[in-house]
């Protein structure tokens, strides 16, 4: 999470800042990064969640979405307060539950997972309570009560837990745990028994700090953001190659470091978009899945509710989410929620697609 510098400054200071940045002494002010970045279209959020409980801190981090197929407007959001635990929100933004789960950083979920013998919604979070030993924390989400129940933890390897995303292949359900140093451990998870089990089946590596990730289960591709370098893809299958391919560089124009949250908007059998939080200039970048091509950029600005800045985690889910979000839902952590603690902003996918001219 980077700290913003006020956009109100004198031209002389701007010149000095640019020179110092070029010399590697300081980071350019956010206003300079925005000016140097590629143009972005503007959208506004239609809703927001209640703030997390940890005030005056970089606390809210990453969201996950559960789609209620029977009653889309009653879908749920799980979000992390990385200082305290996990929140469950309704689409109206109200808090439905809070679980004191400790220092959980990123979160993901899957429906239809066998949990202690019965199908359910498995929520998985990266647990960084011990910065020397990563863990994968597992929870069950009850859709009727919106309550979370802790199931236990499994080992995630040596290092500090950071990013988290889930993927399925023929081998089963994998939790991809991104460590702060760029190591990615693929943990095969089994929650079917009374106590969850997991084992590291594969390890991948990026050179520097990484966090955001997402898996496309249709193509078995894992997307990971290396914060100061760019967006990469890996083969997500247990028996796949571990060599990454770079999709986009954090070049200061299309993607401005830090590259943070990653989310996938699937369209059809194989196409769609991968979205990345361009935290350095308060924007979000869209790439096409079929050919990794750059599509465009957008920002969430002030509207019916506040905008989103310095975003860490993002998530997107397409489909019907009720009258406010009939074509899908995009959620962004907001690092500057006015005078309140950080929260999450809710944006209609239709508004993003319309602004960028995307296939919906």
Protein backbone atom coordinates (compact mmCIF):
# COMPACT_ATOMS: atom_id res chain seq x y z
CA UNK A 1 0.00 0.00 0.00
CA UNK A 2 1.57 3.29 -1.06
CA UNK A 3 0.99 6.60 0.69
CA UNK A 4 -0.39 9.43 -1.44
CA UNK A 5 1.25 12.81 -1.72
CA UNK A 6 -1.09 15.79 -1.99
CA UNK A 7 -1.78 16.97 -5.50
CA UNK A 8 -1.49 20.59 -4.34
CA UNK A 9 2.12 21.64 -4.93
CA UNK A 10 4.14 24.40 -6.62
CA UNK A 11 5.65 23.92 -10.10
CA UNK A 12 9.16 24.29 -8.66
CA UNK A 13 8.51 21.42 -6.30
CA UNK A 14 7.16 19.37 -9.20
CA UNK A 15 10.36 19.85 -11.15
CA UNK A 16 12.47 18.90 -8.15
CA UNK A 17 10.34 15.82 -7.51
CA UNK A 18 10.71 14.65 -11.09
CA UNK A 19 14.48 15.05 -10.97
CA UNK A 20 14.69 13.27 -7.63
CA UNK A 21 12.48 10.46 -8.90
CA UNK A 22 14.68 10.01 -11.96
CA UNK A 23 17.66 9.76 -9.64
CA UNK A 24 15.89 7.08 -7.63
CA UNK A 25 15.65 9.23 -4.50
CA UNK A 26 11.88 9.63 -4.08
CA UNK A 27 8.68 8.50 -5.70
CA UNK A 28 6.90 10.94 -8.01
CA UNK A 29 3.75 12.54 -6.54
CA UNK A 30 0.53 10.77 -7.46
CA UNK A 31 -0.56 13.75 -9.59
CA UNK A 32 2.57 13.31 -11.71
CA UNK A 33 1.97 9.58 -12.07
CA UNK A 34 -1.60 10.27 -13.18
CA UNK A 35 -0.43 12.88 -15.70
CA UNK A 36 2.12 10.47 -17.19
CA UNK A 37 -0.27 7.50 -17.38
CA UNK A 38 -2.45 6.61 -20.35
CA UNK A 39 -5.93 8.15 -20.38
CA UNK A 40 -8.62 6.44 -18.31
CA UNK A 41 -12.40 6.61 -18.54
CA UNK A 42 -14.38 7.45 -15.40
CA UNK A 43 -17.11 5.43 -13.74
CA UNK A 44 -18.86 5.86 -10.40
CA UNK A 45 -19.73 3.33 -7.74
CA UNK A 46 -23.37 2.52 -7.08
CA UNK A 47 -22.73 1.33 -3.54
CA UNK A 48 -20.17 0.80 -0.81
CA UNK A 49 -19.68 -1.35 2.25
CA UNK A 50 -19.56 -0.20 5.81
CA UNK A 51 -16.00 0.69 6.87
CA UNK A 52 -13.85 -1.99 8.46
CA UNK A 53 -13.35 -1.80 12.19
CA UNK A 54 -9.68 -0.84 12.16
CA UNK A 55 -9.55 2.95 11.91
CA UNK A 56 -6.63 5.19 10.95
CA UNK A 57 -4.74 2.35 9.29
CA UNK A 58 -4.16 0.54 6.03
CA UNK A 59 -6.62 -2.21 6.98
CA UNK A 60 -9.22 -3.18 4.36
CA UNK A 61 -7.52 -5.19 1.64
CA UNK A 62 -9.24 -7.78 -0.53
CA UNK A 63 -12.82 -8.81 -1.44
CA UNK A 64 -14.45 -12.02 -2.68
CA UNK A 65 -17.96 -12.44 -4.10
CA UNK A 66 -20.51 -15.20 -3.55
CA UNK A 67 -23.28 -15.24 -6.16
CA UNK A 68 -26.72 -16.28 -4.93
CA UNK A 69 -28.18 -17.89 -8.06
CA UNK A 70 -31.62 -18.28 -6.47
CA UNK A 71 -31.84 -14.64 -5.35
CA UNK A 72 -29.04 -12.58 -6.93
CA UNK A 73 -29.76 -9.44 -4.90
CA UNK A 74 -29.00 -11.49 -1.77
CA UNK A 75 -25.46 -12.29 -2.89
CA UNK A 76 -22.68 -11.76 -0.37
CA UNK A 77 -19.25 -10.13 -0.19
CA UNK A 78 -16.40 -11.34 2.01
CA UNK A 79 -13.72 -8.74 2.73
CA UNK A 80 -10.55 -8.69 4.78
CA UNK A 81 -9.51 -6.33 7.54
CA UNK A 82 -5.89 -7.43 7.49
CA UNK A 83 -5.38 -6.20 11.05
CA UNK A 84 -8.35 -8.06 12.52
CA UNK A 85 -10.30 -10.62 10.47
CA UNK A 86 -13.05 -11.19 7.94
CA UNK A 87 -16.25 -9.28 7.21
CA UNK A 88 -19.35 -10.48 5.39
CA UNK A 89 -21.44 -7.80 3.69
CA UNK A 90 -24.71 -7.78 1.79
CA UNK A 91 -24.94 -5.96 -1.54
CA UNK A 92 -26.54 -3.11 0.40
CA UNK A 93 -23.13 -2.68 2.03
CA UNK A 94 -24.31 -3.53 5.52
CA UNK A 95 -22.18 -5.76 7.71
CA UNK A 96 -23.74 -9.20 8.10
CA UNK A 97 -20.95 -10.82 10.07
CA UNK A 98 -17.45 -10.29 11.41
CA UNK A 99 -15.10 -13.09 12.43
CA UNK A 100 -11.98 -12.37 14.46
CA UNK A 101 -9.61 -14.32 12.23
CA UNK A 102 -6.38 -12.46 12.95
CA UNK A 103 -4.10 -11.06 10.28
CA UNK A 104 -5.68 -12.39 7.09
CA UNK A 105 -4.56 -10.51 4.00
CA UNK A 106 -6.22 -11.78 0.80
CA UNK A 107 -9.35 -13.87 0.41
CA UNK A 108 -11.11 -16.04 -2.18
CA UNK A 109 -14.02 -18.47 -2.18
CA UNK A 110 -15.54 -21.37 -4.10
CA UNK A 111 -19.07 -22.75 -4.00
CA UNK A 112 -19.87 -26.45 -4.32
CA UNK A 113 -16.90 -27.63 -2.27
CA UNK A 114 -17.29 -30.66 -0.02
CA UNK A 115 -16.77 -29.44 3.53
CA UNK A 116 -16.88 -31.98 6.36
CA UNK A 117 -18.97 -34.29 4.19
CA UNK A 118 -21.48 -31.79 2.79
CA UNK A 119 -21.36 -29.32 -0.13
CA UNK A 120 -20.82 -25.72 0.81
CA UNK A 121 -19.04 -22.42 0.25
CA UNK A 122 -15.36 -22.59 1.14
CA UNK A 123 -13.63 -19.31 2.00
CA UNK A 124 -9.84 -19.32 2.03
CA UNK A 125 -7.55 -16.53 3.24
CA UNK A 126 -3.82 -15.93 3.37
CA UNK A 127 -2.86 -15.90 7.06
CA UNK A 128 0.18 -13.78 7.91
CA UNK A 129 -0.09 -13.98 11.70
CA UNK A 130 3.35 -15.59 11.67
CA UNK A 131 5.49 -13.65 9.19
CA UNK A 132 8.03 -16.49 9.08
CA UNK A 133 5.54 -19.26 8.29
CA UNK A 134 2.64 -18.77 5.90
CA UNK A 135 -0.68 -20.46 6.49
CA UNK A 136 -3.88 -21.00 4.53
CA UNK A 137 -6.89 -20.27 6.74
CA UNK A 138 -10.15 -22.02 5.81
CA UNK A 139 -13.72 -21.04 6.65
CA UNK A 140 -17.26 -22.10 5.79
CA UNK A 141 -19.75 -19.45 4.71
CA UNK A 142 -23.40 -20.16 5.53
CA UNK A 143 -25.46 -18.43 2.82
CA UNK A 144 -28.63 -18.47 4.90
CA UNK A 145 -27.16 -16.64 7.91
CA UNK A 146 -24.14 -14.97 6.22
CA UNK A 147 -22.03 -16.35 9.07
CA UNK A 148 -18.46 -17.59 8.79
CA UNK A 149 -17.16 -20.59 10.70
CA UNK A 150 -13.44 -21.25 11.05
CA UNK A 151 -12.42 -24.72 9.89
CA UNK A 152 -8.70 -24.63 10.59
CA UNK A 153 -5.42 -23.85 8.88
CA UNK A 154 -2.97 -25.69 6.65
CA UNK A 155 0.70 -25.01 6.11
CA UNK A 156 1.65 -22.65 3.29
CA UNK A 157 5.45 -22.83 3.50
CA UNK A 158 8.24 -20.68 4.88
CA UNK A 159 7.75 -16.94 4.45
CA UNK A 160 5.11 -14.23 4.87
CA UNK A 161 1.67 -14.95 3.43
CA UNK A 162 0.36 -12.25 1.13
CA UNK A 163 -1.80 -13.06 -1.92
CA UNK A 164 -4.44 -15.80 -2.24
CA UNK A 165 -6.61 -17.23 -5.00
CA UNK A 166 -8.35 -20.54 -5.66
CA UNK A 167 -8.39 -22.75 -8.74
CA UNK A 168 -9.77 -26.14 -9.73
CA UNK A 169 -8.30 -28.74 -12.06
CA UNK A 170 -8.41 -32.51 -12.40
CA UNK A 171 -6.26 -32.86 -9.28
CA UNK A 172 -8.76 -30.99 -7.11
CA UNK A 173 -8.97 -27.59 -5.43
CA UNK A 174 -5.76 -25.58 -5.15
CA UNK A 175 -5.05 -22.54 -3.02
CA UNK A 176 -2.36 -20.41 -4.66
CA UNK A 177 -0.55 -18.68 -1.80
CA UNK A 178 1.61 -15.76 -2.95
CA UNK A 179 4.36 -15.01 -0.46
CA UNK A 180 5.65 -11.49 -0.06
CA UNK A 181 8.99 -12.32 -1.74
CA UNK A 182 7.30 -13.46 -4.95
CA UNK A 183 7.22 -17.19 -4.18
CA UNK A 184 3.92 -18.84 -5.14
CA UNK A 185 3.06 -22.11 -3.39
CA UNK A 186 0.28 -24.21 -4.86
CA UNK A 187 -1.45 -25.93 -1.94
CA UNK A 188 -3.82 -28.79 -2.75
CA UNK A 189 -6.66 -28.38 -0.25
CA UNK A 190 -9.04 -31.04 1.06
CA UNK A 191 -11.83 -29.84 3.34
CA UNK A 192 -13.97 -32.96 3.04
CA UNK A 193 -13.05 -34.37 6.45
CA UNK A 194 -13.62 -33.10 9.97
CA UNK A 195 -10.23 -31.37 9.85
CA UNK A 196 -9.01 -29.69 6.64
CA UNK A 197 -5.81 -30.94 5.05
CA UNK A 198 -3.42 -29.43 2.55
CA UNK A 199 -0.05 -30.05 0.99
CA UNK A 200 2.24 -27.99 -1.19
CA UNK A 201 2.35 -29.69 -4.58
CA UNK A 202 4.24 -27.12 -6.61
CA UNK A 203 6.21 -23.89 -6.21
CA UNK A 204 6.61 -21.03 -8.69
CA UNK A 205 8.67 -17.87 -8.35
CA UNK A 206 8.69 -14.22 -9.33
CA UNK A 207 11.71 -12.06 -8.64
CA UNK A 208 10.28 -9.43 -6.30
CA UNK A 209 7.28 -8.62 -4.11
CA UNK A 210 3.99 -9.91 -5.48
CA UNK A 211 0.45 -10.19 -4.15
CA UNK A 212 -2.65 -10.10 -6.34
CA UNK A 213 -3.64 -13.26 -8.19
CA UNK A 214 -6.58 -14.93 -9.91
CA UNK A 215 -7.16 -18.27 -11.66
CA UNK A 216 -9.22 -18.84 -14.81
CA UNK A 217 -10.63 -22.34 -14.27
CA UNK A 218 -11.70 -22.57 -17.93
CA UNK A 219 -8.14 -22.35 -19.25
CA UNK A 220 -6.24 -23.22 -16.06
CA UNK A 221 -4.18 -20.04 -16.19
CA UNK A 222 -2.93 -18.32 -13.05
CA UNK A 223 -2.47 -14.54 -13.24
CA UNK A 224 -0.14 -12.86 -10.71
CA UNK A 225 0.81 -9.20 -10.26
CA UNK A 226 4.45 -8.52 -9.37
CA UNK A 227 4.06 -5.10 -7.84
CA UNK A 228 6.92 -3.12 -9.40
CA UNK A 229 7.35 -5.29 -12.50
CA UNK A 230 4.02 -6.17 -14.08
CA UNK A 231 1.43 -8.87 -14.75
CA UNK A 232 2.41 -12.52 -15.35
CA UNK A 233 0.65 -15.75 -16.19
CA UNK A 234 1.47 -19.31 -15.18
CA UNK A 235 0.05 -22.71 -15.97
CA UNK A 236 -2.24 -23.38 -12.98
CA UNK A 237 -2.38 -27.16 -13.36
CA UNK A 238 -0.64 -29.29 -10.77
CA UNK A 239 1.43 -30.97 -13.49
CA UNK A 240 1.97 -27.77 -15.51
CA UNK A 241 5.16 -25.88 -16.26
CA UNK A 242 6.33 -23.38 -13.65
CA UNK A 243 7.88 -20.82 -16.02
CA UNK A 244 5.93 -17.52 -16.15
CA UNK A 245 5.07 -15.46 -19.22
CA UNK A 246 4.84 -11.68 -18.91
CA UNK A 247 1.58 -10.13 -20.06
CA UNK A 248 2.26 -6.49 -19.27
CA UNK A 249 5.00 -4.38 -17.72
CA UNK A 250 4.48 -1.83 -14.99
CA UNK A 251 5.63 0.81 -17.44
CA UNK A 252 4.19 3.88 -15.76
CA UNK A 253 1.77 4.40 -18.62
CA UNK A 254 -0.73 1.55 -19.03
CA UNK A 255 0.11 -0.06 -15.67
CA UNK A 256 1.55 2.10 -12.91
CA UNK A 257 3.33 0.45 -9.97
CA UNK A 258 2.23 -0.84 -7.61
CA UNK A 259 0.39 -3.50 -9.61
CA UNK A 260 -1.91 -4.90 -6.94
CA UNK A 261 -5.26 -6.74 -7.12
CA UNK A 262 -6.10 -9.08 -9.99
CA UNK A 263 -9.55 -10.29 -11.12
CA UNK A 264 -11.01 -12.18 -14.07
CA UNK A 265 -14.20 -11.35 -15.99
CA UNK A 266 -14.95 -14.45 -18.09
CA UNK A 267 -16.89 -14.17 -21.36
CA UNK A 268 -17.92 -17.31 -23.25
CA UNK A 269 -15.86 -20.48 -23.20
CA UNK A 270 -12.39 -18.92 -23.18
CA UNK A 271 -12.51 -15.16 -23.65
CA UNK A 272 -13.06 -12.23 -21.34
CA UNK A 273 -10.80 -9.88 -19.44
CA UNK A 274 -8.23 -9.79 -16.69
CA UNK A 275 -8.28 -6.65 -14.55
CA UNK A 276 -5.39 -5.27 -12.51
CA UNK A 277 -5.31 -2.51 -9.91
CA UNK A 278 -2.90 0.17 -11.14
CA UNK A 279 -2.45 1.45 -7.61
CA UNK A 280 0.16 4.06 -8.47
CA UNK A 281 -2.31 6.25 -10.36
CA UNK A 282 -5.62 5.18 -8.79
CA UNK A 283 -6.78 3.30 -11.89
CA UNK A 284 -7.68 -0.20 -13.11
CA UNK A 285 -6.30 -1.77 -16.27
CA UNK A 286 -8.12 -4.23 -18.52
CA UNK A 287 -6.41 -6.84 -20.73
CA UNK A 288 -8.12 -9.30 -23.08
CA UNK A 289 -7.71 -12.94 -22.07
CA UNK A 290 -7.61 -14.39 -25.58
CA UNK A 291 -4.45 -12.57 -26.66
CA UNK A 292 -3.21 -10.62 -23.58
CA UNK A 293 -3.89 -7.36 -25.46
CA UNK A 294 -4.29 -4.08 -23.60
CA UNK A 295 -7.93 -2.96 -23.78
CA UNK A 296 -8.19 0.17 -21.66
CA UNK A 297 -8.21 1.79 -18.24
CA UNK A 298 -10.82 3.20 -15.89
CA UNK A 299 -11.06 5.04 -12.59
CA UNK A 300 -13.77 4.98 -9.93
CA UNK A 301 -14.46 8.63 -9.13
CA UNK A 302 -16.79 10.39 -6.70
CA UNK A 303 -20.46 9.98 -7.51
CA UNK A 304 -23.45 8.72 -5.51
CA UNK A 305 -20.79 7.43 -3.10
CA UNK A 306 -17.09 8.23 -2.94
CA UNK A 307 -14.55 6.98 -5.43
CA UNK A 308 -11.72 4.50 -4.88
CA UNK A 309 -8.03 5.34 -4.53
CA UNK A 310 -4.84 3.39 -3.81
CA UNK A 311 -6.70 0.12 -4.31
CA UNK A 312 -5.20 -3.12 -3.07
CA UNK A 313 -7.63 -5.96 -3.75
CA UNK A 314 -10.30 -6.15 -6.46
CA UNK A 315 -12.87 -8.73 -7.56
CA UNK A 316 -15.33 -9.02 -10.41
CA UNK A 317 -18.20 -11.41 -11.12
CA UNK A 318 -20.41 -11.30 -14.20
CA UNK A 319 -24.10 -12.19 -14.29
CA UNK A 320 -27.23 -11.00 -12.54
CA UNK A 321 -26.67 -9.47 -9.10
CA UNK A 322 -30.09 -7.84 -8.81
CA UNK A 323 -31.52 -4.49 -9.96
CA UNK A 324 -28.45 -2.41 -9.06
CA UNK A 325 -25.96 -4.74 -10.75
CA UNK A 326 -27.86 -6.60 -13.50
CA UNK A 327 -24.79 -7.44 -15.62
CA UNK A 328 -22.24 -8.08 -12.92
CA UNK A 329 -20.34 -6.58 -10.01
CA UNK A 330 -16.86 -5.08 -9.66
CA UNK A 331 -15.53 -4.42 -6.15
CA UNK A 332 -12.49 -2.33 -5.26
CA UNK A 333 -10.88 -1.73 -1.89
CA UNK A 334 -10.77 1.99 -1.19
CA UNK A 335 -7.58 3.15 0.49
CA UNK A 336 -8.96 6.66 1.14
CA UNK A 337 -12.54 6.55 2.38
CA UNK A 338 -12.80 10.16 3.46
CA UNK A 339 -12.62 10.55 7.23
CA UNK A 340 -13.88 6.99 7.80
CA UNK A 341 -11.92 3.75 7.95
CA UNK A 342 -11.22 2.02 4.64
CA UNK A 343 -13.98 0.11 2.90
CA UNK A 344 -14.98 -1.46 -0.45
CA UNK A 345 -16.69 0.26 -3.38
CA UNK A 346 -19.29 -1.55 -5.54
CA UNK A 347 -19.43 -0.75 -9.27
CA UNK A 348 -21.85 -2.13 -11.87
CA UNK A 349 -19.98 -4.10 -14.53
CA UNK A 350 -22.39 -2.66 -17.12
CA UNK A 351 -21.06 0.83 -16.34
CA UNK A 352 -17.46 -0.30 -16.87
CA UNK A 353 -18.27 -2.23 -20.03
CA UNK A 354 -20.19 0.71 -21.48
CA UNK A 355 -17.43 3.19 -20.69
CA UNK A 356 -14.75 1.01 -22.30
CA UNK A 357 -16.87 -0.43 -25.12
CA UNK A 358 -16.36 -4.01 -23.89
CA UNK A 359 -18.25 -7.12 -24.93
CA UNK A 360 -20.77 -7.86 -22.19
